Amino acid sequence: MTGEIRKPNLETAFKKEVIALKRQHAVEKIYAELGSKHRVKRFHIKILNIEEVPHEEIEDPLLKKFVLGEGKIGE
């Protein structure tokens, strides 16, 4: 998922990988994570693109380990 954060004092692009069953769940997860981590309200977050990523192209090492079943997370 890619998008932008547009606040009066902060304007930045983001790219985030999440695990979700539906697109709506992925969007909610992004709103929750960015809101808590960066103190951004939902109306400051603009989601530009949502796409499913094949297992081989996952960049986040924790997600990749979880999805491919390569041991336990945290090891």
PDB file of N, CA and C in Angstrom:
ATOM      1  N   MET A   1       0.849  -1.161   0.000  1.00  0.00           N
ATOM      2  CA  MET A   1       0.000   0.000   0.000  1.00  0.00           C
ATOM      3  C   MET A   1       0.899   1.229   0.000  1.00  0.00           C
ATOM      4  N   THR A   2       0.585   2.160  -0.846  1.00  0.00           N
ATOM      5  CA  THR A   2       1.330   3.411  -0.889  1.00  0.00           C
ATOM      6  C   THR A   2       0.370   4.573  -0.678  1.00  0.00           C
ATOM      7  N   GLY A   3       0.922   5.672  -0.180  1.00  0.00           N
ATOM      8  CA  GLY A   3       0.095   6.840   0.054  1.00  0.00           C
ATOM      9  C   GLY A   3       0.912   8.009   0.542  1.00  0.00           C
ATOM     10  N   GLU A   4       0.194   9.005   1.058  1.00  0.00           N
ATOM     11  CA  GLU A   4       0.826  10.231   1.532  1.00  0.00           C
ATOM     12  C   GLU A   4       0.236  10.636   2.870  1.00  0.00           C
ATOM     13  N   ILE A   5       1.076  11.245   3.689  1.00  0.00           N
ATOM     14  CA  ILE A   5       0.623  11.890   4.923  1.00  0.00           C
ATOM     15  C   ILE A   5       0.750  13.380   4.675  1.00  0.00           C
ATOM     16  N   ARG A   6      -0.359  14.095   4.823  1.00  0.00           N
ATOM     17  CA  ARG A   6      -0.354  15.547   4.597  1.00  0.00           C
ATOM     18  C   ARG A   6      -0.888  16.268   5.815  1.00  0.00           C
ATOM     19  N   LYS A   7       0.040  16.717   6.641  1.00  0.00           N
ATOM     20  CA  LYS A   7      -0.290  17.550   7.791  1.00  0.00           C
ATOM     21  C   LYS A   7       0.320  18.915   7.544  1.00  0.00           C
ATOM     22  N   PRO A   8      -0.112  19.933   8.269  1.00  0.00           N
ATOM     23  CA  PRO A   8       0.470  21.265   8.069  1.00  0.00           C
ATOM     24  C   PRO A   8       1.989  21.302   8.278  1.00  0.00           C
ATOM     25  N   ASN A   9       2.498  20.519   9.215  1.00  0.00           N
ATOM     26  CA  ASN A   9       3.938  20.535   9.489  1.00  0.00           C
ATOM     27  C   ASN A   9       4.671  19.298   8.975  1.00  0.00           C
ATOM     28  N   LEU A  10       3.982  18.417   8.267  1.00  0.00           N
ATOM     29  CA  LEU A  10       4.589  17.173   7.791  1.00  0.00           C
ATOM     30  C   LEU A  10       3.926  16.735   6.499  1.00  0.00           C
ATOM     31  N   GLU A  11       4.729  16.525   5.478  1.00  0.00           N
ATOM     32  CA  GLU A  11       4.211  15.989   4.224  1.00  0.00           C
ATOM     33  C   GLU A  11       5.206  14.939   3.744  1.00  0.00           C
ATOM     34  N   THR A  12       4.775  13.692   3.745  1.00  0.00           N
ATOM     35  CA  THR A  12       5.678  12.612   3.377  1.00  0.00           C
ATOM     36  C   THR A  12       4.919  11.468   2.714  1.00  0.00           C
ATOM     37  N   ALA A  13       5.615  10.721   1.883  1.00  0.00           N
ATOM     38  CA  ALA A  13       5.043   9.544   1.233  1.00  0.00           C
ATOM     39  C   ALA A  13       5.352   8.324   2.086  1.00  0.00           C
ATOM     40  N   PHE A  14       4.519   7.290   1.956  1.00  0.00           N
ATOM     41  CA  PHE A  14       4.792   6.059   2.687  1.00  0.00           C
ATOM     42  C   PHE A  14       4.487   4.851   1.819  1.00  0.00           C
ATOM     43  N   LYS A  15       5.142   3.759   2.158  1.00  0.00           N
ATOM     44  CA  LYS A  15       4.900   2.456   1.542  1.00  0.00           C
ATOM     45  C   LYS A  15       4.880   1.459   2.684  1.00  0.00           C
ATOM     46  N   LYS A  16       3.792   0.714   2.806  1.00  0.00           N
ATOM     47  CA  LYS A  16       3.622  -0.170   3.953  1.00  0.00           C
ATOM     48  C   LYS A  16       3.039  -1.493   3.487  1.00  0.00           C
ATOM     49  N   GLU A  17       3.553  -2.589   4.033  1.00  0.00           N
ATOM     50  CA  GLU A  17       3.014  -3.917   3.754  1.00  0.00           C
ATOM     51  C   GLU A  17       2.269  -4.397   4.994  1.00  0.00           C
ATOM     52  N   VAL A  18       1.057  -4.887   4.800  1.00  0.00           N
ATOM     53  CA  VAL A  18       0.263  -5.437   5.896  1.00  0.00           C
ATOM     54  C   VAL A  18      -0.385  -6.736   5.437  1.00  0.00           C
ATOM     55  N   ILE A  19      -0.730  -7.568   6.405  1.00  0.00           N
ATOM     56  CA  ILE A  19      -1.454  -8.799   6.116  1.00  0.00           C
ATOM     57  C   ILE A  19      -2.919  -8.541   6.445  1.00  0.00           C
ATOM     58  N   ALA A  20      -3.801  -8.809   5.483  1.00  0.00           N
ATOM     59  CA  ALA A  20      -5.236  -8.621   5.705  1.00  0.00           C
ATOM     60  C   ALA A  20      -6.017  -9.526   4.756  1.00  0.00           C
ATOM     61  N   LEU A  21      -7.220  -9.886   5.168  1.00  0.00           N
ATOM     62  CA  LEU A  21      -8.072 -10.718   4.325  1.00  0.00           C
ATOM     63  C   LEU A  21      -8.795  -9.888   3.264  1.00  0.00           C
ATOM     64  N   LYS A  22      -9.160  -8.665   3.622  1.00  0.00           N
ATOM     65  CA  LYS A  22      -9.875  -7.779   2.702  1.00  0.00           C
ATOM     66  C   LYS A  22      -9.152  -6.451   2.586  1.00  0.00           C
ATOM     67  N   ARG A  23      -9.416  -5.727   1.508  1.00  0.00           N
ATOM     68  CA  ARG A  23      -8.823  -4.406   1.313  1.00  0.00           C
ATOM     69  C   ARG A  23      -9.225  -3.446   2.431  1.00  0.00           C
ATOM     70  N   GLN A  24     -10.483  -3.527   2.861  1.00  0.00           N
ATOM     71  CA  GLN A  24     -10.964  -2.641   3.915  1.00  0.00           C
ATOM     72  C   GLN A  24     -10.200  -2.878   5.217  1.00  0.00           C
ATOM     73  N   HIS A  25      -9.855  -4.135   5.495  1.00  0.00           N
ATOM     74  CA  HIS A  25      -9.090  -4.439   6.701  1.00  0.00           C
ATOM     75  C   HIS A  25      -7.686  -3.861   6.609  1.00  0.00           C
ATOM     76  N   ALA A  26      -7.086  -3.931   5.428  1.00  0.00           N
ATOM     77  CA  ALA A  26      -5.745  -3.371   5.229  1.00  0.00           C
ATOM     78  C   ALA A  26      -5.768  -1.856   5.425  1.00  0.00           C
ATOM     79  N   VAL A  27      -6.785  -1.197   4.889  1.00  0.00           N
ATOM     80  CA  VAL A  27      -6.910   0.260   5.033  1.00  0.00           C
ATOM     81  C   VAL A  27      -7.071   0.633   6.508  1.00  0.00           C
ATOM     82  N   GLU A  28      -7.907  -0.082   7.224  1.00  0.00           N
ATOM     83  CA  GLU A  28      -8.106   0.195   8.653  1.00  0.00           C
ATOM     84  C   GLU A  28      -6.814   0.002   9.433  1.00  0.00           C
ATOM     85  N   LYS A  29      -6.055  -1.023   9.083  1.00  0.00           N
ATOM     86  CA  LYS A  29      -4.792  -1.279   9.773  1.00  0.00           C
ATOM     87  C   LYS A  29      -3.797  -0.141   9.531  1.00  0.00           C
ATOM     88  N   ILE A  30      -3.753   0.360   8.291  1.00  0.00           N
ATOM     89  CA  ILE A  30      -2.861   1.483   7.972  1.00  0.00           C
ATOM     90  C   ILE A  30      -3.271   2.726   8.754  1.00  0.00           C
ATOM     91  N   TYR A  31      -4.563   3.030   8.764  1.00  0.00           N
ATOM     92  CA  TYR A  31      -5.037   4.185   9.530  1.00  0.00           C
ATOM     93  C   TYR A  31      -4.652   4.047  11.004  1.00  0.00           C
ATOM     94  N   ALA A  32      -4.830   2.869  11.569  1.00  0.00           N
ATOM     95  CA  ALA A  32      -4.537   2.652  12.986  1.00  0.00           C
ATOM     96  C   ALA A  32      -3.038   2.782  13.265  1.00  0.00           C
ATOM     97  N   GLU A  33      -2.199   2.152  12.433  1.00  0.00           N
ATOM     98  CA  GLU A  33      -0.752   2.184  12.662  1.00  0.00           C
ATOM     99  C   GLU A  33      -0.176   3.586  12.490  1.00  0.00           C
ATOM    100  N   LEU A  34      -0.535   4.250  11.400  1.00  0.00           N
ATOM    101  CA  LEU A  34      -0.005   5.593  11.170  1.00  0.00           C
ATOM    102  C   LEU A  34      -0.547   6.579  12.196  1.00  0.00           C
ATOM    103  N   GLY A  35      -1.802   6.415  12.559  1.00  0.00           N
ATOM    104  CA  GLY A  35      -2.403   7.299  13.547  1.00  0.00           C
ATOM    105  C   GLY A  35      -1.725   7.192  14.895  1.00  0.00           C
ATOM    106  N   SER A  36      -1.415   5.985  15.311  1.00  0.00           N
ATOM    107  CA  SER A  36      -0.793   5.833  16.624  1.00  0.00           C
ATOM    108  C   SER A  36       0.696   6.159  16.595  1.00  0.00           C
ATOM    109  N   LYS A  37       1.371   5.802  15.525  1.00  0.00           N
ATOM    110  CA  LYS A  37       2.820   6.015  15.461  1.00  0.00           C
ATOM    111  C   LYS A  37       3.187   7.472  15.173  1.00  0.00           C
ATOM    112  N   HIS A  38       2.442   8.129  14.274  1.00  0.00           N
ATOM    113  CA  HIS A  38       2.789   9.490  13.851  1.00  0.00           C
ATOM    114  C   HIS A  38       1.792  10.548  14.302  1.00  0.00           C
ATOM    115  N   ARG A  39       0.788  10.144  15.082  1.00  0.00           N
ATOM    116  CA  ARG A  39      -0.245  11.086  15.542  1.00  0.00           C
ATOM    117  C   ARG A  39      -0.914  11.799  14.373  1.00  0.00           C
ATOM    118  N   VAL A  40      -1.327  11.006  13.387  1.00  0.00           N
ATOM    119  CA  VAL A  40      -1.946  11.537  12.174  1.00  0.00           C
ATOM    120  C   VAL A  40      -3.426  11.171  12.189  1.00  0.00           C
ATOM    121  N   LYS A  41      -4.277  12.127  11.932  1.00  0.00           N
ATOM    122  CA  LYS A  41      -5.706  11.864  11.808  1.00  0.00           C
ATOM    123  C   LYS A  41      -5.992  11.234  10.450  1.00  0.00           C
ATOM    124  N   ARG A  42      -7.081  10.511  10.358  1.00  0.00           N
ATOM    125  CA  ARG A  42      -7.429   9.806   9.121  1.00  0.00           C
ATOM    126  C   ARG A  42      -7.562  10.741   7.922  1.00  0.00           C
ATOM    127  N   PHE A  43      -8.078  11.938   8.130  1.00  0.00           N
ATOM    128  CA  PHE A  43      -8.257  12.848   6.989  1.00  0.00           C
ATOM    129  C   PHE A  43      -6.932  13.426   6.495  1.00  0.00           C
ATOM    130  N   HIS A  44      -5.835  13.225   7.237  1.00  0.00           N
ATOM    131  CA  HIS A  44      -4.512  13.639   6.768  1.00  0.00           C
ATOM    132  C   HIS A  44      -3.818  12.537   5.962  1.00  0.00           C
ATOM    133  N   ILE A  45      -4.369  11.323   5.980  1.00  0.00           N
ATOM    134  CA  ILE A  45      -3.771  10.188   5.275  1.00  0.00           C
ATOM    135  C   ILE A  45      -4.493   9.994   3.955  1.00  0.00           C
ATOM    136  N   LYS A  46      -3.741   9.981   2.867  1.00  0.00           N
ATOM    137  CA  LYS A  46      -4.313   9.744   1.543  1.00  0.00           C
ATOM    138  C   LYS A  46      -3.687   8.466   0.981  1.00  0.00           C
ATOM    139  N   ILE A  47      -4.506   7.450   0.787  1.00  0.00           N
ATOM    140  CA  ILE A  47      -4.029   6.177   0.250  1.00  0.00           C
ATOM    141  C   ILE A  47      -4.142   6.243  -1.269  1.00  0.00           C
ATOM    142  N   LEU A  48      -3.016   6.039  -1.934  1.00  0.00           N
ATOM    143  CA  LEU A  48      -2.960   6.159  -3.388  1.00  0.00           C
ATOM    144  C   LEU A  48      -3.126   4.825  -4.102  1.00  0.00           C
ATOM    145  N   ASN A  49      -2.593   3.751  -3.519  1.00  0.00           N
ATOM    146  CA  ASN A  49      -2.582   2.478  -4.218  1.00  0.00           C
ATOM    147  C   ASN A  49      -2.631   1.330  -3.216  1.00  0.00           C
ATOM    148  N   ILE A  50      -3.486   0.356  -3.513  1.00  0.00           N
ATOM    149  CA  ILE A  50      -3.539  -0.875  -2.729  1.00  0.00           C
ATOM    150  C   ILE A  50      -3.376  -2.022  -3.710  1.00  0.00           C
ATOM    151  N   GLU A  51      -2.388  -2.870  -3.449  1.00  0.00           N
ATOM    152  CA  GLU A  51      -2.199  -4.012  -4.331  1.00  0.00           C
ATOM    153  C   GLU A  51      -1.719  -5.212  -3.528  1.00  0.00           C
ATOM    154  N   GLU A  52      -2.078  -6.390  -4.021  1.00  0.00           N
ATOM    155  CA  GLU A  52      -1.632  -7.623  -3.396  1.00  0.00           C
ATOM    156  C   GLU A  52      -0.219  -7.930  -3.881  1.00  0.00           C
ATOM    157  N   VAL A  53       0.645  -8.289  -2.954  1.00  0.00           N
ATOM    158  CA  VAL A  53       2.045  -8.554  -3.278  1.00  0.00           C
ATOM    159  C   VAL A  53       2.269 -10.071  -3.236  1.00  0.00           C
ATOM    160  N   PRO A  54       2.874 -10.639  -4.287  1.00  0.00           N
ATOM    161  CA  PRO A  54       3.199 -12.079  -4.256  1.00  0.00           C
ATOM    162  C   PRO A  54       4.166 -12.384  -3.115  1.00  0.00           C
ATOM    163  N   HIS A  55       4.115 -13.607  -2.607  1.00  0.00           N
ATOM    164  CA  HIS A  55       4.957 -14.012  -1.480  1.00  0.00           C
ATOM    165  C   HIS A  55       6.433 -13.733  -1.721  1.00  0.00           C
ATOM    166  N   GLU A  56       6.879 -13.917  -2.945  1.00  0.00           N
ATOM    167  CA  GLU A  56       8.299 -13.755  -3.269  1.00  0.00           C
ATOM    168  C   GLU A  56       8.751 -12.294  -3.215  1.00  0.00           C
ATOM    169  N   GLU A  57       7.820 -11.356  -3.337  1.00  0.00           N
ATOM    170  CA  GLU A  57       8.167  -9.938  -3.408  1.00  0.00           C
ATOM    171  C   GLU A  57       7.950  -9.181  -2.099  1.00  0.00           C
ATOM    172  N   ILE A  58       7.614  -9.875  -1.023  1.00  0.00           N
ATOM    173  CA  ILE A  58       7.427  -9.217   0.274  1.00  0.00           C
ATOM    174  C   ILE A  58       8.778  -8.705   0.746  1.00  0.00           C
ATOM    175  N   GLU A  59       8.837  -7.435   1.134  1.00  0.00           N
ATOM    176  CA  GLU A  59      10.093  -6.809   1.560  1.00  0.00           C
ATOM    177  C   GLU A  59      10.294  -6.839   3.074  1.00  0.00           C
ATOM    178  N   ASP A  60       9.229  -6.737   3.839  1.00  0.00           N
ATOM    179  CA  ASP A  60       9.319  -6.725   5.294  1.00  0.00           C
ATOM    180  C   ASP A  60       9.764  -8.107   5.785  1.00  0.00           C
ATOM    181  N   PRO A  61      10.929  -8.194   6.455  1.00  0.00           N
ATOM    182  CA  PRO A  61      11.455  -9.499   6.865  1.00  0.00           C
ATOM    183  C   PRO A  61      10.541 -10.253   7.830  1.00  0.00           C
ATOM    184  N   LEU A  62       9.870  -9.556   8.748  1.00  0.00           N
ATOM    185  CA  LEU A  62       8.969 -10.230   9.678  1.00  0.00           C
ATOM    186  C   LEU A  62       7.745 -10.790   8.971  1.00  0.00           C
ATOM    187  N   LEU A  63       7.162 -10.000   8.064  1.00  0.00           N
ATOM    188  CA  LEU A  63       6.004 -10.487   7.307  1.00  0.00           C
ATOM    189  C   LEU A  63       6.387 -11.665   6.425  1.00  0.00           C
ATOM    190  N   LYS A  64       7.537 -11.572   5.791  1.00  0.00           N
ATOM    191  CA  LYS A  64       7.998 -12.650   4.911  1.00  0.00           C
ATOM    192  C   LYS A  64       8.175 -13.947   5.699  1.00  0.00           C
ATOM    193  N   LYS A  65       8.780 -13.840   6.867  1.00  0.00           N
ATOM    194  CA  LYS A  65       8.998 -15.001   7.713  1.00  0.00           C
ATOM    195  C   LYS A  65       7.668 -15.606   8.150  1.00  0.00           C
ATOM    196  N   PHE A  66       6.720 -14.752   8.501  1.00  0.00           N
ATOM    197  CA  PHE A  66       5.404 -15.208   8.935  1.00  0.00           C
ATOM    198  C   PHE A  66       4.636 -15.879   7.798  1.00  0.00           C
ATOM    199  N   VAL A  67       4.612 -15.240   6.632  1.00  0.00           N
ATOM    200  CA  VAL A  67       3.837 -15.745   5.498  1.00  0.00           C
ATOM    201  C   VAL A  67       4.420 -17.053   4.956  1.00  0.00           C
ATOM    202  N   LEU A  68       5.739 -17.141   4.886  1.00  0.00           N
ATOM    203  CA  LEU A  68       6.380 -18.339   4.347  1.00  0.00           C
ATOM    204  C   LEU A  68       6.532 -19.448   5.392  1.00  0.00           C
ATOM    205  N   GLY A  69       6.233 -19.147   6.646  1.00  0.00           N
ATOM    206  CA  GLY A  69       6.301 -20.162   7.695  1.00  0.00           C
ATOM    207  C   GLY A  69       7.717 -20.582   8.030  1.00  0.00           C
ATOM    208  N   GLU A  70       8.662 -19.667   7.972  1.00  0.00           N
ATOM    209  CA  GLU A  70      10.075 -19.978   8.251  1.00  0.00           C
ATOM    210  C   GLU A  70      10.391 -19.755   9.715  1.00  0.00           C
ATOM    211  N   GLY A  71       9.883 -20.600  10.573  1.00  0.00           N
ATOM    212  CA  GLY A  71      10.172 -20.459  11.995  1.00  0.00           C
ATOM    213  C   GLY A  71       9.208 -19.501  12.671  1.00  0.00           C
ATOM    214  N   LYS A  72       9.518 -19.193  13.907  1.00  0.00           N
ATOM    215  CA  LYS A  72       8.662 -18.298  14.688  1.00  0.00           C
ATOM    216  C   LYS A  72       9.150 -16.869  14.584  1.00  0.00           C
ATOM    217  N   ILE A  73       8.235 -15.928  14.672  1.00  0.00           N
ATOM    218  CA  ILE A  73       8.592 -14.508  14.662  1.00  0.00           C
ATOM    219  C   ILE A  73       9.285 -14.187  15.983  1.00  0.00           C
ATOM    220  N   GLY A  74      10.371 -13.452  15.895  1.00  0.00           N
ATOM    221  CA  GLY A  74      11.131 -13.099  17.083  1.00  0.00           C
ATOM    222  C   GLY A  74      12.406 -13.908  17.233  1.00  0.00           C
ATOM    223  N   GLU A  75      12.593 -14.897  16.393  1.00  0.00           N
ATOM    224  CA  GLU A  75      13.822 -15.705  16.452  1.00  0.00           C
ATOM    225  C   GLU A  75      14.860 -15.141  15.527  1.00  0.00           C
TER     226      GLU A  75
END
